[in-house]
Amino acid sequence: GGEPAAAAWGLEGEAEKVVYSRSQVSFAGTKALGDALRLFMPKSTEFMSSDSELWNFLCSLKHEFSPVILRSKDVYGYSSC
């Protein structure tokens, strides 16, 4: 009767490993990104002491440089079919 419990525990262990490895990857990715920013934008890292500050900085860039999609009514004053 103990085998199903052992199998379930094994699966749970695997799931924990996956979550752990993903968190490691995201941390490593953040570090690499921080290093790249330090290289190309030295001033940008002066205010980034944590991952959340880095994330907020990147989100601000995304919003600042996001493209504006112009429709024909915006450009020509009429709407296309």
PDB file of N, CA and C in Angstrom:
ATOM      1  N   GLY A   1       0.809  -1.213   0.000  1.00  0.00           N
ATOM      2  CA  GLY A   1       0.000   0.000   0.000  1.00  0.00           C
ATOM      3  C   GLY A   1       0.841   1.262   0.000  1.00  0.00           C
ATOM      4  N   GLY A   2       2.168   1.158   0.249  1.00  0.00           N
ATOM      5  CA  GLY A   2       2.972   2.366   0.353  1.00  0.00           C
ATOM      6  C   GLY A   2       3.497   2.881  -0.971  1.00  0.00           C
ATOM      7  N   GLU A   3       3.368   2.093  -2.028  1.00  0.00           N
ATOM      8  CA  GLU A   3       3.949   2.498  -3.315  1.00  0.00           C
ATOM      9  C   GLU A   3       3.316   3.752  -3.915  1.00  0.00           C
ATOM     10  N   PRO A   4       1.966   3.857  -3.960  1.00  0.00           N
ATOM     11  CA  PRO A   4       1.386   5.080  -4.546  1.00  0.00           C
ATOM     12  C   PRO A   4       1.835   6.349  -3.819  1.00  0.00           C
ATOM     13  N   ALA A   5       1.949   6.259  -2.498  1.00  0.00           N
ATOM     14  CA  ALA A   5       2.387   7.435  -1.741  1.00  0.00           C
ATOM     15  C   ALA A   5       3.819   7.803  -2.123  1.00  0.00           C
ATOM     16  N   ALA A   6       4.662   6.794  -2.292  1.00  0.00           N
ATOM     17  CA  ALA A   6       6.051   7.044  -2.675  1.00  0.00           C
ATOM     18  C   ALA A   6       6.114   7.659  -4.067  1.00  0.00           C
ATOM     19  N   ALA A   7       5.263   7.149  -4.962  1.00  0.00           N
ATOM     20  CA  ALA A   7       5.240   7.689  -6.325  1.00  0.00           C
ATOM     21  C   ALA A   7       4.788   9.151  -6.304  1.00  0.00           C
ATOM     22  N   ALA A   8       3.762   9.434  -5.502  1.00  0.00           N
ATOM     23  CA  ALA A   8       3.268  10.811  -5.408  1.00  0.00           C
ATOM     24  C   ALA A   8       4.351  11.718  -4.830  1.00  0.00           C
ATOM     25  N   TRP A   9       5.068  11.211  -3.839  1.00  0.00           N
ATOM     26  CA  TRP A   9       6.136  12.009  -3.234  1.00  0.00           C
ATOM     27  C   TRP A   9       7.235  12.288  -4.253  1.00  0.00           C
ATOM     28  N   GLY A  10       7.519  11.281  -5.084  1.00  0.00           N
ATOM     29  CA  GLY A  10       8.535  11.449  -6.128  1.00  0.00           C
ATOM     30  C   GLY A  10       8.142  12.541  -7.108  1.00  0.00           C
ATOM     31  N   LEU A  11       6.867  12.550  -7.494  1.00  0.00           N
ATOM     32  CA  LEU A  11       6.389  13.582  -8.422  1.00  0.00           C
ATOM     33  C   LEU A  11       6.471  14.961  -7.774  1.00  0.00           C
ATOM     34  N   GLU A  12       6.108  15.016  -6.508  1.00  0.00           N
ATOM     35  CA  GLU A  12       6.164  16.294  -5.795  1.00  0.00           C
ATOM     36  C   GLU A  12       7.599  16.804  -5.746  1.00  0.00           C
ATOM     37  N   GLY A  13       8.523  15.880  -5.522  1.00  0.00           N
ATOM     38  CA  GLY A  13       9.936  16.240  -5.509  1.00  0.00           C
ATOM     39  C   GLY A  13      10.376  16.796  -6.850  1.00  0.00           C
ATOM     40  N   GLU A  14       9.909  16.172  -7.927  1.00  0.00           N
ATOM     41  CA  GLU A  14      10.245  16.655  -9.272  1.00  0.00           C
ATOM     42  C   GLU A  14       9.694  18.064  -9.485  1.00  0.00           C
ATOM     43  N   ALA A  15       8.457  18.284  -9.053  1.00  0.00           N
ATOM     44  CA  ALA A  15       7.847  19.602  -9.224  1.00  0.00           C
ATOM     45  C   ALA A  15       8.654  20.658  -8.478  1.00  0.00           C
ATOM     46  N   GLU A  16       9.095  20.312  -7.269  1.00  0.00           N
ATOM     47  CA  GLU A  16       9.899  21.262  -6.502  1.00  0.00           C
ATOM     48  C   GLU A  16      11.195  21.586  -7.230  1.00  0.00           C
ATOM     49  N   LYS A  17      11.801  20.571  -7.830  1.00  0.00           N
ATOM     50  CA  LYS A  17      13.046  20.789  -8.574  1.00  0.00           C
ATOM     51  C   LYS A  17      12.815  21.754  -9.733  1.00  0.00           C
ATOM     52  N   VAL A  18      11.698  21.559 -10.438  1.00  0.00           N
ATOM     53  CA  VAL A  18      11.391  22.419 -11.585  1.00  0.00           C
ATOM     54  C   VAL A  18      11.228  23.861 -11.126  1.00  0.00           C
ATOM     55  N   VAL A  19      10.460  24.061 -10.069  1.00  0.00           N
ATOM     56  CA  VAL A  19      10.243  25.412  -9.555  1.00  0.00           C
ATOM     57  C   VAL A  19      11.566  26.030  -9.120  1.00  0.00           C
ATOM     58  N   TYR A  20      12.381  25.230  -8.437  1.00  0.00           N
ATOM     59  CA  TYR A  20      13.665  25.726  -7.952  1.00  0.00           C
ATOM     60  C   TYR A  20      14.564  26.120  -9.119  1.00  0.00           C
ATOM     61  N   SER A  21      14.618  25.261 -10.141  1.00  0.00           N
ATOM     62  CA  SER A  21      15.499  25.559 -11.274  1.00  0.00           C
ATOM     63  C   SER A  21      14.996  26.783 -12.039  1.00  0.00           C
ATOM     64  N   ARG A  22      13.681  26.934 -12.130  1.00  0.00           N
ATOM     65  CA  ARG A  22      13.147  28.119 -12.809  1.00  0.00           C
ATOM     66  C   ARG A  22      13.519  29.383 -12.056  1.00  0.00           C
ATOM     67  N   SER A  23      13.434  29.335 -10.724  1.00  0.00           N
ATOM     68  CA  SER A  23      13.791  30.529  -9.961  1.00  0.00           C
ATOM     69  C   SER A  23      15.275  30.836 -10.126  1.00  0.00           C
ATOM     70  N   GLN A  24      16.091  29.805 -10.231  1.00  0.00           N
ATOM     71  CA  GLN A  24      17.519  30.021 -10.467  1.00  0.00           C
ATOM     72  C   GLN A  24      17.742  30.669 -11.827  1.00  0.00           C
ATOM     73  N   VAL A  25      17.024  30.187 -12.832  1.00  0.00           N
ATOM     74  CA  VAL A  25      17.171  30.725 -14.187  1.00  0.00           C
ATOM     75  C   VAL A  25      16.748  32.190 -14.211  1.00  0.00           C
ATOM     76  N   SER A  26      15.618  32.497 -13.575  1.00  0.00           N
ATOM     77  CA  SER A  26      15.159  33.884 -13.602  1.00  0.00           C
ATOM     78  C   SER A  26      16.149  34.785 -12.873  1.00  0.00           C
ATOM     79  N   PHE A  27      16.734  34.282 -11.785  1.00  0.00           N
ATOM     80  CA  PHE A  27      17.719  35.081 -11.055  1.00  0.00           C
ATOM     81  C   PHE A  27      18.963  35.287 -11.913  1.00  0.00           C
ATOM     82  N   ALA A  28      19.414  34.220 -12.576  1.00  0.00           N
ATOM     83  CA  ALA A  28      20.598  34.319 -13.435  1.00  0.00           C
ATOM     84  C   ALA A  28      20.327  35.282 -14.588  1.00  0.00           C
ATOM     85  N   GLY A  29      19.114  35.224 -15.147  1.00  0.00           N
ATOM     86  CA  GLY A  29      18.752  36.118 -16.237  1.00  0.00           C
ATOM     87  C   GLY A  29      18.755  37.568 -15.798  1.00  0.00           C
ATOM     88  N   THR A  30      18.276  37.808 -14.586  1.00  0.00           N
ATOM     89  CA  THR A  30      18.254  39.171 -14.064  1.00  0.00           C
ATOM     90  C   THR A  30      19.665  39.692 -13.875  1.00  0.00           C
ATOM     91  N   LYS A  31      20.552  38.836 -13.387  1.00  0.00           N
ATOM     92  CA  LYS A  31      21.940  39.247 -13.167  1.00  0.00           C
ATOM     93  C   LYS A  31      22.599  39.587 -14.500  1.00  0.00           C
ATOM     94  N   ALA A  32      22.382  38.745 -15.498  1.00  0.00           N
ATOM     95  CA  ALA A  32      22.961  38.994 -16.819  1.00  0.00           C
ATOM     96  C   ALA A  32      22.428  40.304 -17.392  1.00  0.00           C
ATOM     97  N   LEU A  33      21.132  40.516 -17.196  1.00  0.00           N
ATOM     98  CA  LEU A  33      20.514  41.745 -17.692  1.00  0.00           C
ATOM     99  C   LEU A  33      21.098  42.958 -16.977  1.00  0.00           C
ATOM    100  N   GLY A  34      21.267  42.832 -15.667  1.00  0.00           N
ATOM    101  CA  GLY A  34      21.867  43.924 -14.898  1.00  0.00           C
ATOM    102  C   GLY A  34      23.279  44.226 -15.366  1.00  0.00           C
ATOM    103  N   ASP A  35      24.047  43.163 -15.628  1.00  0.00           N
ATOM    104  CA  ASP A  35      25.417  43.345 -16.121  1.00  0.00           C
ATOM    105  C   ASP A  35      25.423  44.057 -17.469  1.00  0.00           C
ATOM    106  N   ALA A  36      24.502  43.667 -18.339  1.00  0.00           N
ATOM    107  CA  ALA A  36      24.417  44.295 -19.661  1.00  0.00           C
ATOM    108  C   ALA A  36      24.058  45.776 -19.525  1.00  0.00           C
ATOM    109  N   LEU A  37      23.116  46.069 -18.639  1.00  0.00           N
ATOM    110  CA  LEU A  37      22.735  47.469 -18.442  1.00  0.00           C
ATOM    111  C   LEU A  37      23.898  48.285 -17.894  1.00  0.00           C
ATOM    112  N   ARG A  38      24.657  47.698 -16.969  1.00  0.00           N
ATOM    113  CA  ARG A  38      25.820  48.408 -16.421  1.00  0.00           C
ATOM    114  C   ARG A  38      26.816  48.735 -17.528  1.00  0.00           C
ATOM    115  N   LEU A  39      26.938  47.810 -18.471  1.00  0.00           N
ATOM    116  CA  LEU A  39      27.890  47.998 -19.560  1.00  0.00           C
ATOM    117  C   LEU A  39      27.446  49.101 -20.513  1.00  0.00           C
ATOM    118  N   PHE A  40      26.172  49.030 -20.937  1.00  0.00           N
ATOM    119  CA  PHE A  40      25.699  49.935 -21.988  1.00  0.00           C
ATOM    120  C   PHE A  40      25.091  51.227 -21.457  1.00  0.00           C
ATOM    121  N   MET A  41      24.577  51.189 -20.244  1.00  0.00           N
ATOM    122  CA  MET A  41      23.952  52.379 -19.662  1.00  0.00           C
ATOM    123  C   MET A  41      24.419  52.526 -18.217  1.00  0.00           C
ATOM    124  N   PRO A  42      25.630  52.989 -18.001  1.00  0.00           N
ATOM    125  CA  PRO A  42      26.179  53.046 -16.637  1.00  0.00           C
ATOM    126  C   PRO A  42      25.301  53.799 -15.642  1.00  0.00           C
ATOM    127  N   LYS A  43      24.656  54.862 -16.077  1.00  0.00           N
ATOM    128  CA  LYS A  43      23.824  55.659 -15.176  1.00  0.00           C
ATOM    129  C   LYS A  43      22.576  54.896 -14.735  1.00  0.00           C
ATOM    130  N   SER A  44      22.113  53.955 -15.559  1.00  0.00           N
ATOM    131  CA  SER A  44      20.849  53.273 -15.281  1.00  0.00           C
ATOM    132  C   SER A  44      20.908  52.419 -14.029  1.00  0.00           C
ATOM    133  N   THR A  45      22.098  51.969 -13.637  1.00  0.00           N
ATOM    134  CA  THR A  45      22.188  51.038 -12.512  1.00  0.00           C
ATOM    135  C   THR A  45      22.357  51.737 -11.171  1.00  0.00           C
ATOM    136  N   GLU A  46      22.454  53.056 -11.175  1.00  0.00           N
ATOM    137  CA  GLU A  46      22.661  53.764  -9.913  1.00  0.00           C
ATOM    138  C   GLU A  46      21.484  53.598  -8.962  1.00  0.00           C
ATOM    139  N   PHE A  47      20.292  53.406  -9.501  1.00  0.00           N
ATOM    140  CA  PHE A  47      19.101  53.320  -8.660  1.00  0.00           C
ATOM    141  C   PHE A  47      18.539  51.907  -8.575  1.00  0.00           C
ATOM    142  N   MET A  48      19.236  50.936  -9.137  1.00  0.00           N
ATOM    143  CA  MET A  48      18.714  49.570  -9.141  1.00  0.00           C
ATOM    144  C   MET A  48      19.443  48.712  -8.119  1.00  0.00           C
ATOM    145  N   SER A  49      18.892  48.632  -6.913  1.00  0.00           N
ATOM    146  CA  SER A  49      19.537  47.832  -5.874  1.00  0.00           C
ATOM    147  C   SER A  49      18.855  46.486  -5.709  1.00  0.00           C
ATOM    148  N   SER A  50      17.702  46.289  -6.348  1.00  0.00           N
ATOM    149  CA  SER A  50      16.995  45.015  -6.209  1.00  0.00           C
ATOM    150  C   SER A  50      16.399  44.597  -7.543  1.00  0.00           C
ATOM    151  N   ASP A  51      15.985  43.340  -7.605  1.00  0.00           N
ATOM    152  CA  ASP A  51      15.367  42.825  -8.826  1.00  0.00           C
ATOM    153  C   ASP A  51      14.075  43.566  -9.148  1.00  0.00           C
ATOM    154  N   SER A  52      13.315  43.936  -8.113  1.00  0.00           N
ATOM    155  CA  SER A  52      12.048  44.623  -8.371  1.00  0.00           C
ATOM    156  C   SER A  52      12.291  46.009  -8.961  1.00  0.00           C
ATOM    157  N   GLU A  53      13.351  46.683  -8.501  1.00  0.00           N
ATOM    158  CA  GLU A  53      13.678  47.992  -9.084  1.00  0.00           C
ATOM    159  C   GLU A  53      14.121  47.839 -10.531  1.00  0.00           C
ATOM    160  N   LEU A  54      14.874  46.769 -10.808  1.00  0.00           N
ATOM    161  CA  LEU A  54      15.301  46.496 -12.178  1.00  0.00           C
ATOM    162  C   LEU A  54      14.083  46.243 -13.058  1.00  0.00           C
ATOM    163  N   TRP A  55      13.138  45.451 -12.543  1.00  0.00           N
ATOM    164  CA  TRP A  55      11.919  45.131 -13.298  1.00  0.00           C
ATOM    165  C   TRP A  55      11.124  46.404 -13.567  1.00  0.00           C
ATOM    166  N   ASN A  56      10.978  47.256 -12.563  1.00  0.00           N
ATOM    167  CA  ASN A  56      10.247  48.516 -12.743  1.00  0.00           C
ATOM    168  C   ASN A  56      10.919  49.392 -13.789  1.00  0.00           C
ATOM    169  N   PHE A  57      12.241  49.416 -13.772  1.00  0.00           N
ATOM    170  CA  PHE A  57      12.993  50.193 -14.759  1.00  0.00           C
ATOM    171  C   PHE A  57      12.717  49.677 -16.168  1.00  0.00           C
ATOM    172  N   LEU A  58      12.749  48.345 -16.328  1.00  0.00           N
ATOM    173  CA  LEU A  58      12.505  47.760 -17.648  1.00  0.00           C
ATOM    174  C   LEU A  58      11.084  48.031 -18.116  1.00  0.00           C
ATOM    175  N   CYS A  59      10.124  47.954 -17.202  1.00  0.00           N
ATOM    176  CA  CYS A  59       8.735  48.244 -17.571  1.00  0.00           C
ATOM    177  C   CYS A  59       8.584  49.696 -18.001  1.00  0.00           C
ATOM    178  N   SER A  60       9.292  50.597 -17.340  1.00  0.00           N
ATOM    179  CA  SER A  60       9.204  52.005 -17.726  1.00  0.00           C
ATOM    180  C   SER A  60       9.777  52.210 -19.124  1.00  0.00           C
ATOM    181  N   LEU A  61      10.848  51.478 -19.445  1.00  0.00           N
ATOM    182  CA  LEU A  61      11.402  51.563 -20.801  1.00  0.00           C
ATOM    183  C   LEU A  61      10.396  51.055 -21.820  1.00  0.00           C
ATOM    184  N   LYS A  62       9.737  49.954 -21.473  1.00  0.00           N
ATOM    185  CA  LYS A  62       8.763  49.359 -22.387  1.00  0.00           C
ATOM    186  C   LYS A  62       7.662  50.369 -22.705  1.00  0.00           C
ATOM    187  N   HIS A  63       7.166  51.047 -21.667  1.00  0.00           N
ATOM    188  CA  HIS A  63       6.089  52.012 -21.889  1.00  0.00           C
ATOM    189  C   HIS A  63       6.602  53.256 -22.612  1.00  0.00           C
ATOM    190  N   GLU A  64       7.809  53.654 -22.291  1.00  0.00           N
ATOM    191  CA  GLU A  64       8.372  54.864 -22.892  1.00  0.00           C
ATOM    192  C   GLU A  64       8.627  54.683 -24.381  1.00  0.00           C
ATOM    193  N   PHE A  65       9.083  53.493 -24.756  1.00  0.00           N
ATOM    194  CA  PHE A  65       9.465  53.268 -26.150  1.00  0.00           C
ATOM    195  C   PHE A  65       8.486  52.382 -26.908  1.00  0.00           C
ATOM    196  N   SER A  66       7.280  52.196 -26.367  1.00  0.00           N
ATOM    197  CA  SER A  66       6.326  51.346 -27.074  1.00  0.00           C
ATOM    198  C   SER A  66       5.811  52.086 -28.304  1.00  0.00           C
ATOM    199  N   PRO A  67       5.667  51.374 -29.409  1.00  0.00           N
ATOM    200  CA  PRO A  67       5.237  52.023 -30.651  1.00  0.00           C
ATOM    201  C   PRO A  67       3.775  52.449 -30.588  1.00  0.00           C
ATOM    202  N   VAL A  68       3.466  53.533 -31.254  1.00  0.00           N
ATOM    203  CA  VAL A  68       2.083  53.988 -31.371  1.00  0.00           C
ATOM    204  C   VAL A  68       1.580  53.556 -32.736  1.00  0.00           C
ATOM    205  N   ILE A  69       0.498  52.799 -32.748  1.00  0.00           N
ATOM    206  CA  ILE A  69      -0.051  52.317 -34.019  1.00  0.00           C
ATOM    207  C   ILE A  69      -1.013  53.373 -34.552  1.00  0.00           C
ATOM    208  N   LEU A  70      -0.665  53.934 -35.685  1.00  0.00           N
ATOM    209  CA  LEU A  70      -1.510  54.955 -36.301  1.00  0.00           C
ATOM    210  C   LEU A  70      -2.472  54.304 -37.279  1.00  0.00           C
ATOM    211  N   ARG A  71      -3.722  54.693 -37.180  1.00  0.00           N
ATOM    212  CA  ARG A  71      -4.722  54.206 -38.133  1.00  0.00           C
ATOM    213  C   ARG A  71      -4.948  55.297 -39.186  1.00  0.00           C
ATOM    214  N   SER A  72      -5.588  54.923 -40.267  1.00  0.00           N
ATOM    215  CA  SER A  72      -5.767  55.889 -41.356  1.00  0.00           C
ATOM    216  C   SER A  72      -6.526  57.127 -40.896  1.00  0.00           C
ATOM    217  N   LYS A  73      -7.498  56.952 -39.980  1.00  0.00           N
ATOM    218  CA  LYS A  73      -8.246  58.128 -39.511  1.00  0.00           C
ATOM    219  C   LYS A  73      -7.354  59.074 -38.713  1.00  0.00           C
ATOM    220  N   ASP A  74      -6.318  58.498 -38.035  1.00  0.00           N
ATOM    221  CA  ASP A  74      -5.383  59.343 -37.290  1.00  0.00           C
ATOM    222  C   ASP A  74      -4.510  60.159 -38.237  1.00  0.00           C
ATOM    223  N   VAL A  75      -4.119  59.546 -39.346  1.00  0.00           N
ATOM    224  CA  VAL A  75      -3.191  60.190 -40.270  1.00  0.00           C
ATOM    225  C   VAL A  75      -3.921  61.073 -41.278  1.00  0.00           C
ATOM    226  N   TYR A  76      -4.961  60.517 -41.893  1.00  0.00           N
ATOM    227  CA  TYR A  76      -5.625  61.219 -43.002  1.00  0.00           C
ATOM    228  C   TYR A  76      -6.953  61.851 -42.622  1.00  0.00           C
ATOM    229  N   GLY A  77      -7.461  61.552 -41.431  1.00  0.00           N
ATOM    230  CA  GLY A  77      -8.721  62.150 -41.010  1.00  0.00           C
ATOM    231  C   GLY A  77      -9.951  61.376 -41.454  1.00  0.00           C
ATOM    232  N   TYR A  78      -9.786  60.204 -42.061  1.00  0.00           N
ATOM    233  CA  TYR A  78     -10.938  59.380 -42.423  1.00  0.00           C
ATOM    234  C   TYR A  78     -10.614  57.932 -42.100  1.00  0.00           C
ATOM    235  N   SER A  79     -11.649  57.129 -42.001  1.00  0.00           N
ATOM    236  CA  SER A  79     -11.418  55.720 -41.672  1.00  0.00           C
ATOM    237  C   SER A  79     -11.495  54.865 -42.924  1.00  0.00           C
ATOM    238  N   SER A  80     -10.655  53.851 -42.971  1.00  0.00           N
ATOM    239  CA  SER A  80     -10.650  52.951 -44.127  1.00  0.00           C
ATOM    240  C   SER A  80     -11.703  51.875 -43.944  1.00  0.00           C
ATOM    241  N   CYS A  81     -12.039  51.192 -45.032  1.00  0.00           N
ATOM    242  CA  CYS A  81     -13.070  50.153 -44.986  1.00  0.00           C
ATOM    243  C   CYS A  81     -12.593  48.975 -44.154  1.00  0.00           C
TER     244      CYS A  81
END
